[in-house]
Amino acid sequence: MNLTGQDVYQKGQKRKLSNQPSAEDRKHWERVRELGCIVKDSCCQGYTTIHHCGTRRGGRKDHRKVIPLCWEHHLGANGIDGKRISFREWQERFGTEQDHLAQTHLLLGIKGS
């Protein structure tokens, strides 16, 4: 008998789907990084990284919903994923993820976001 990957899972058992970024996703990330930090204020420092938006409360990462942040705004003292300020405080100081995502897509010429 020839079993496929789905046949191995028993009824009612959830199948874990891979969420690995594709080559196309990685090219998109490079374009996003080239924009530089989307916050652009006086405390910007470090190389530009990408931040996945909308992953709070166990959300699944969408590799196209990313914004460029410098290290300081991503993981540093003023970081959205840092330990010193809360997510809510970060958004009050620097703007919401959705606003920054819309701005990123506008700068890249991506429609429908």
N, C-alpha and C. Protein backbone atom coordinates (compact mmCIF):
# COMPACT_ATOMS: atom_id res chain seq x y z
N MET A 1 0.83 -1.17 0.00
CA MET A 1 0.00 0.00 0.00
C MET A 1 0.89 1.24 0.00
N ASN A 2 0.52 2.23 -0.79
CA ASN A 2 1.28 3.46 -0.92
C ASN A 2 0.57 4.57 -0.14
N LEU A 3 1.18 5.05 0.94
CA LEU A 3 0.57 6.07 1.78
C LEU A 3 1.11 7.45 1.44
N THR A 4 0.22 8.43 1.39
CA THR A 4 0.67 9.82 1.22
C THR A 4 0.84 10.42 2.61
N GLY A 5 1.42 11.61 2.69
CA GLY A 5 1.64 12.27 3.97
C GLY A 5 0.34 12.50 4.73
N GLN A 6 -0.76 12.78 3.99
CA GLN A 6 -2.02 13.04 4.66
C GLN A 6 -2.63 11.75 5.21
N ASP A 7 -2.38 10.61 4.55
CA ASP A 7 -2.93 9.34 5.00
C ASP A 7 -2.34 8.91 6.33
N VAL A 8 -1.14 9.36 6.66
CA VAL A 8 -0.46 8.95 7.88
C VAL A 8 -1.16 9.54 9.10
N TYR A 9 -1.79 10.71 8.96
CA TYR A 9 -2.49 11.35 10.08
C TYR A 9 -3.84 10.68 10.28
N GLN A 10 -4.17 10.41 11.53
CA GLN A 10 -5.44 9.78 11.84
C GLN A 10 -6.54 10.82 11.85
N LYS A 11 -7.77 10.34 11.70
CA LYS A 11 -8.93 11.22 11.68
C LYS A 11 -8.97 12.07 12.96
N GLY A 12 -9.23 13.38 12.81
CA GLY A 12 -9.32 14.28 13.95
C GLY A 12 -7.99 14.88 14.38
N GLN A 13 -6.89 14.34 13.87
CA GLN A 13 -5.57 14.86 14.23
C GLN A 13 -5.23 16.01 13.30
N LYS A 14 -4.77 17.13 13.88
CA LYS A 14 -4.42 18.29 13.06
C LYS A 14 -3.08 18.07 12.38
N ARG A 15 -3.00 18.53 11.16
CA ARG A 15 -1.78 18.43 10.39
C ARG A 15 -1.07 19.78 10.41
N LYS A 16 0.18 19.79 10.81
CA LYS A 16 0.95 21.03 10.87
C LYS A 16 1.40 21.40 9.46
N LEU A 17 1.02 22.58 9.04
CA LEU A 17 1.42 23.08 7.72
C LEU A 17 2.66 23.93 7.87
N SER A 18 3.57 23.80 6.96
CA SER A 18 4.82 24.56 6.99
C SER A 18 4.54 26.03 6.70
N ASN A 19 5.21 26.90 7.40
CA ASN A 19 5.09 28.33 7.14
C ASN A 19 6.48 28.90 6.84
N GLN A 20 7.26 28.13 6.11
CA GLN A 20 8.59 28.59 5.73
C GLN A 20 8.47 29.63 4.62
N PRO A 21 9.25 30.71 4.68
CA PRO A 21 9.19 31.73 3.63
C PRO A 21 9.72 31.18 2.31
N SER A 22 9.07 31.58 1.22
CA SER A 22 9.51 31.18 -0.11
C SER A 22 10.62 32.11 -0.58
N ALA A 23 11.22 31.76 -1.70
CA ALA A 23 12.25 32.63 -2.29
C ALA A 23 11.65 33.98 -2.66
N GLU A 24 10.41 33.96 -3.10
CA GLU A 24 9.72 35.21 -3.44
C GLU A 24 9.50 36.08 -2.19
N ASP A 25 9.16 35.42 -1.08
CA ASP A 25 9.01 36.15 0.19
C ASP A 25 10.32 36.81 0.59
N ARG A 26 11.42 36.09 0.45
CA ARG A 26 12.74 36.63 0.83
C ARG A 26 13.15 37.81 -0.05
N LYS A 27 12.79 37.77 -1.33
CA LYS A 27 13.05 38.91 -2.22
C LYS A 27 12.24 40.13 -1.76
N HIS A 28 10.99 39.88 -1.37
CA HIS A 28 10.14 40.96 -0.86
C HIS A 28 10.78 41.57 0.39
N TRP A 29 11.30 40.72 1.27
CA TRP A 29 11.94 41.20 2.50
C TRP A 29 13.12 42.10 2.18
N GLU A 30 13.90 41.75 1.17
CA GLU A 30 15.05 42.59 0.78
C GLU A 30 14.58 43.97 0.34
N ARG A 31 13.52 44.00 -0.47
CA ARG A 31 12.97 45.29 -0.92
C ARG A 31 12.49 46.11 0.29
N VAL A 32 11.87 45.45 1.25
CA VAL A 32 11.38 46.14 2.45
C VAL A 32 12.55 46.67 3.25
N ARG A 33 13.59 45.86 3.46
CA ARG A 33 14.77 46.30 4.24
C ARG A 33 15.44 47.51 3.60
N GLU A 34 15.46 47.55 2.27
CA GLU A 34 16.12 48.66 1.57
C GLU A 34 15.46 50.01 1.85
N LEU A 35 14.22 50.02 2.31
CA LEU A 35 13.53 51.27 2.63
C LEU A 35 14.12 51.95 3.87
N GLY A 36 14.77 51.20 4.72
CA GLY A 36 15.27 51.74 5.99
C GLY A 36 14.14 51.75 7.00
N CYS A 37 14.43 52.10 8.21
CA CYS A 37 13.44 52.06 9.30
C CYS A 37 12.24 52.93 8.97
N ILE A 38 11.05 52.35 9.07
CA ILE A 38 9.82 53.07 8.74
C ILE A 38 9.48 54.14 9.78
N VAL A 39 10.00 54.01 11.00
CA VAL A 39 9.71 54.99 12.06
C VAL A 39 10.47 56.30 11.81
N LYS A 40 11.73 56.21 11.41
CA LYS A 40 12.55 57.36 11.05
C LYS A 40 12.51 58.49 12.09
N ASP A 41 13.03 58.23 13.27
CA ASP A 41 13.17 59.30 14.25
C ASP A 41 14.60 59.33 14.76
N SER A 42 14.86 60.19 15.72
CA SER A 42 16.23 60.42 16.17
C SER A 42 16.87 59.22 16.87
N CYS A 43 16.07 58.26 17.35
CA CYS A 43 16.69 57.13 18.05
C CYS A 43 16.95 55.94 17.12
N CYS A 44 16.74 56.10 15.82
CA CYS A 44 17.02 55.00 14.87
C CYS A 44 18.50 54.66 14.94
N GLN A 45 18.78 53.37 15.10
CA GLN A 45 20.17 52.92 15.07
C GLN A 45 20.21 51.44 14.77
N GLY A 46 21.30 51.03 14.19
CA GLY A 46 21.48 49.62 13.86
C GLY A 46 20.97 49.31 12.47
N TYR A 47 21.23 48.09 12.06
CA TYR A 47 20.83 47.66 10.72
C TYR A 47 19.32 47.47 10.68
N THR A 48 18.75 47.50 9.48
CA THR A 48 17.31 47.36 9.30
C THR A 48 16.93 45.89 9.24
N THR A 49 15.91 45.53 10.02
CA THR A 49 15.38 44.17 10.04
C THR A 49 13.92 44.23 9.60
N ILE A 50 13.29 43.08 9.47
CA ILE A 50 11.87 43.07 9.17
C ILE A 50 11.10 42.63 10.41
N HIS A 51 9.90 43.16 10.55
CA HIS A 51 9.01 42.80 11.65
C HIS A 51 7.71 42.30 11.04
N HIS A 52 7.28 41.09 11.42
CA HIS A 52 6.01 40.54 10.97
C HIS A 52 4.87 41.22 11.74
N CYS A 53 3.92 41.77 11.03
CA CYS A 53 2.77 42.44 11.65
C CYS A 53 1.65 41.44 11.92
N GLY A 54 0.89 41.72 12.96
CA GLY A 54 -0.31 40.93 13.24
C GLY A 54 -0.06 39.55 13.82
N THR A 55 1.07 39.35 14.50
CA THR A 55 1.35 38.03 15.06
C THR A 55 1.12 37.97 16.56
N ARG A 56 0.51 38.98 17.12
CA ARG A 56 0.19 38.97 18.55
C ARG A 56 -0.87 37.92 18.83
N ARG A 57 -0.92 37.44 20.03
CA ARG A 57 -1.91 36.45 20.48
C ARG A 57 -1.89 35.19 19.63
N GLY A 58 -0.71 34.74 19.26
CA GLY A 58 -0.58 33.46 18.56
C GLY A 58 -0.94 33.48 17.10
N GLY A 59 -0.99 34.65 16.49
CA GLY A 59 -1.32 34.72 15.07
C GLY A 59 -0.25 34.08 14.20
N ARG A 60 -0.65 33.56 13.06
CA ARG A 60 0.27 32.93 12.12
C ARG A 60 0.97 34.01 11.30
N LYS A 61 2.26 33.87 11.10
CA LYS A 61 3.02 34.87 10.36
C LYS A 61 2.64 34.87 8.89
N ASP A 62 2.34 36.06 8.38
CA ASP A 62 2.13 36.26 6.95
C ASP A 62 3.40 36.95 6.47
N HIS A 63 4.18 36.27 5.66
CA HIS A 63 5.49 36.76 5.25
C HIS A 63 5.43 37.98 4.34
N ARG A 64 4.23 38.38 3.92
CA ARG A 64 4.08 39.58 3.12
C ARG A 64 3.67 40.79 3.96
N LYS A 65 3.25 40.56 5.19
CA LYS A 65 2.87 41.65 6.08
C LYS A 65 4.04 41.97 6.99
N VAL A 66 5.06 42.60 6.42
CA VAL A 66 6.27 42.94 7.16
C VAL A 66 6.60 44.42 6.98
N ILE A 67 7.20 44.99 8.02
CA ILE A 67 7.64 46.38 7.97
C ILE A 67 9.12 46.44 8.31
N PRO A 68 9.83 47.45 7.77
CA PRO A 68 11.24 47.59 8.10
C PRO A 68 11.44 48.39 9.39
N LEU A 69 12.21 47.84 10.30
CA LEU A 69 12.53 48.54 11.54
C LEU A 69 14.03 48.43 11.80
N CYS A 70 14.62 49.52 12.32
CA CYS A 70 16.01 49.44 12.75
C CYS A 70 16.06 48.56 14.00
N TRP A 71 17.24 48.16 14.38
CA TRP A 71 17.38 47.28 15.53
C TRP A 71 16.78 47.92 16.79
N GLU A 72 17.00 49.20 16.97
CA GLU A 72 16.49 49.90 18.16
C GLU A 72 14.97 49.85 18.24
N HIS A 73 14.27 50.05 17.11
CA HIS A 73 12.80 50.04 17.12
C HIS A 73 12.22 48.62 17.08
N HIS A 74 13.06 47.64 16.77
CA HIS A 74 12.58 46.26 16.73
C HIS A 74 12.84 45.52 18.04
N LEU A 75 14.09 45.49 18.48
CA LEU A 75 14.46 44.70 19.66
C LEU A 75 15.16 45.49 20.76
N GLY A 76 15.48 46.74 20.49
CA GLY A 76 16.23 47.55 21.46
C GLY A 76 15.35 48.11 22.56
N ALA A 77 15.86 49.13 23.25
CA ALA A 77 15.14 49.76 24.37
C ALA A 77 13.80 50.34 23.92
N ASN A 78 13.70 50.78 22.68
CA ASN A 78 12.45 51.31 22.13
C ASN A 78 11.82 50.33 21.15
N GLY A 79 12.06 49.04 21.35
CA GLY A 79 11.64 48.03 20.39
C GLY A 79 10.24 47.49 20.59
N ILE A 80 9.57 47.24 19.47
CA ILE A 80 8.23 46.66 19.48
C ILE A 80 8.25 45.25 20.06
N ASP A 81 9.33 44.52 19.85
CA ASP A 81 9.50 43.19 20.42
C ASP A 81 10.53 43.19 21.55
N GLY A 82 10.86 44.36 22.04
CA GLY A 82 11.82 44.48 23.12
C GLY A 82 11.17 44.21 24.47
N LYS A 83 11.92 44.39 25.51
CA LYS A 83 11.42 44.07 26.86
C LYS A 83 11.13 45.31 27.71
N ARG A 84 11.51 46.49 27.25
CA ARG A 84 11.38 47.67 28.11
C ARG A 84 10.05 48.40 27.99
N ILE A 85 9.44 48.40 26.82
CA ILE A 85 8.14 49.06 26.67
C ILE A 85 7.13 48.04 26.14
N SER A 86 5.87 48.26 26.45
CA SER A 86 4.83 47.34 26.00
C SER A 86 4.49 47.59 24.54
N PHE A 87 3.83 46.63 23.95
CA PHE A 87 3.38 46.76 22.57
C PHE A 87 2.45 47.97 22.42
N ARG A 88 1.54 48.12 23.36
CA ARG A 88 0.61 49.25 23.33
C ARG A 88 1.36 50.58 23.42
N GLU A 89 2.33 50.67 24.32
CA GLU A 89 3.11 51.91 24.47
C GLU A 89 3.90 52.20 23.18
N TRP A 90 4.44 51.15 22.57
CA TRP A 90 5.19 51.33 21.31
C TRP A 90 4.28 51.95 20.25
N GLN A 91 3.06 51.42 20.14
CA GLN A 91 2.13 51.93 19.13
C GLN A 91 1.69 53.36 19.43
N GLU A 92 1.56 53.70 20.71
CA GLU A 92 1.21 55.07 21.07
C GLU A 92 2.33 56.05 20.71
N ARG A 93 3.57 55.61 20.89
CA ARG A 93 4.73 56.48 20.57
C ARG A 93 5.02 56.58 19.09
N PHE A 94 4.98 55.44 18.40
CA PHE A 94 5.50 55.40 17.03
C PHE A 94 4.46 55.12 15.96
N GLY A 95 3.24 54.79 16.31
CA GLY A 95 2.19 54.49 15.33
C GLY A 95 1.88 53.00 15.30
N THR A 96 0.75 52.67 14.69
CA THR A 96 0.31 51.28 14.68
C THR A 96 1.02 50.47 13.59
N GLU A 97 1.04 49.16 13.79
CA GLU A 97 1.60 48.26 12.78
C GLU A 97 0.86 48.44 11.45
N GLN A 98 -0.47 48.57 11.52
CA GLN A 98 -1.26 48.69 10.29
C GLN A 98 -0.91 49.96 9.52
N ASP A 99 -0.71 51.08 10.24
CA ASP A 99 -0.32 52.32 9.57
C ASP A 99 1.05 52.19 8.91
N HIS A 100 1.98 51.57 9.62
CA HIS A 100 3.33 51.39 9.06
C HIS A 100 3.31 50.40 7.90
N LEU A 101 2.47 49.38 7.97
CA LEU A 101 2.35 48.42 6.88
C LEU A 101 1.78 49.10 5.63
N ALA A 102 0.76 49.93 5.82
CA ALA A 102 0.18 50.67 4.69
C ALA A 102 1.22 51.59 4.06
N GLN A 103 2.01 52.27 4.89
CA GLN A 103 3.06 53.16 4.40
C GLN A 103 4.13 52.37 3.64
N THR A 104 4.52 51.22 4.17
CA THR A 104 5.50 50.36 3.50
C THR A 104 5.00 49.94 2.14
N HIS A 105 3.75 49.50 2.07
CA HIS A 105 3.19 49.07 0.78
C HIS A 105 3.08 50.24 -0.20
N LEU A 106 2.75 51.42 0.31
CA LEU A 106 2.69 52.60 -0.54
C LEU A 106 4.06 52.91 -1.14
N LEU A 107 5.10 52.87 -0.31
CA LEU A 107 6.45 53.16 -0.78
C LEU A 107 6.94 52.11 -1.80
N LEU A 108 6.46 50.88 -1.66
CA LEU A 108 6.86 49.81 -2.59
C LEU A 108 5.95 49.72 -3.82
N GLY A 109 4.87 50.52 -3.82
CA GLY A 109 3.93 50.48 -4.94
C GLY A 109 3.05 49.25 -4.97
N ILE A 110 2.77 48.70 -3.79
CA ILE A 110 1.91 47.52 -3.69
C ILE A 110 0.50 48.01 -3.46
N LYS A 111 -0.43 47.55 -4.30
CA LYS A 111 -1.82 47.99 -4.21
C LYS A 111 -2.64 46.98 -3.42
N GLY A 112 -3.79 47.46 -2.91
CA GLY A 112 -4.73 46.59 -2.24
C GLY A 112 -4.39 46.30 -0.79
N SER A 113 -3.67 47.20 -0.13
CA SER A 113 -3.35 46.96 1.27
C SER A 113 -3.83 48.08 2.14
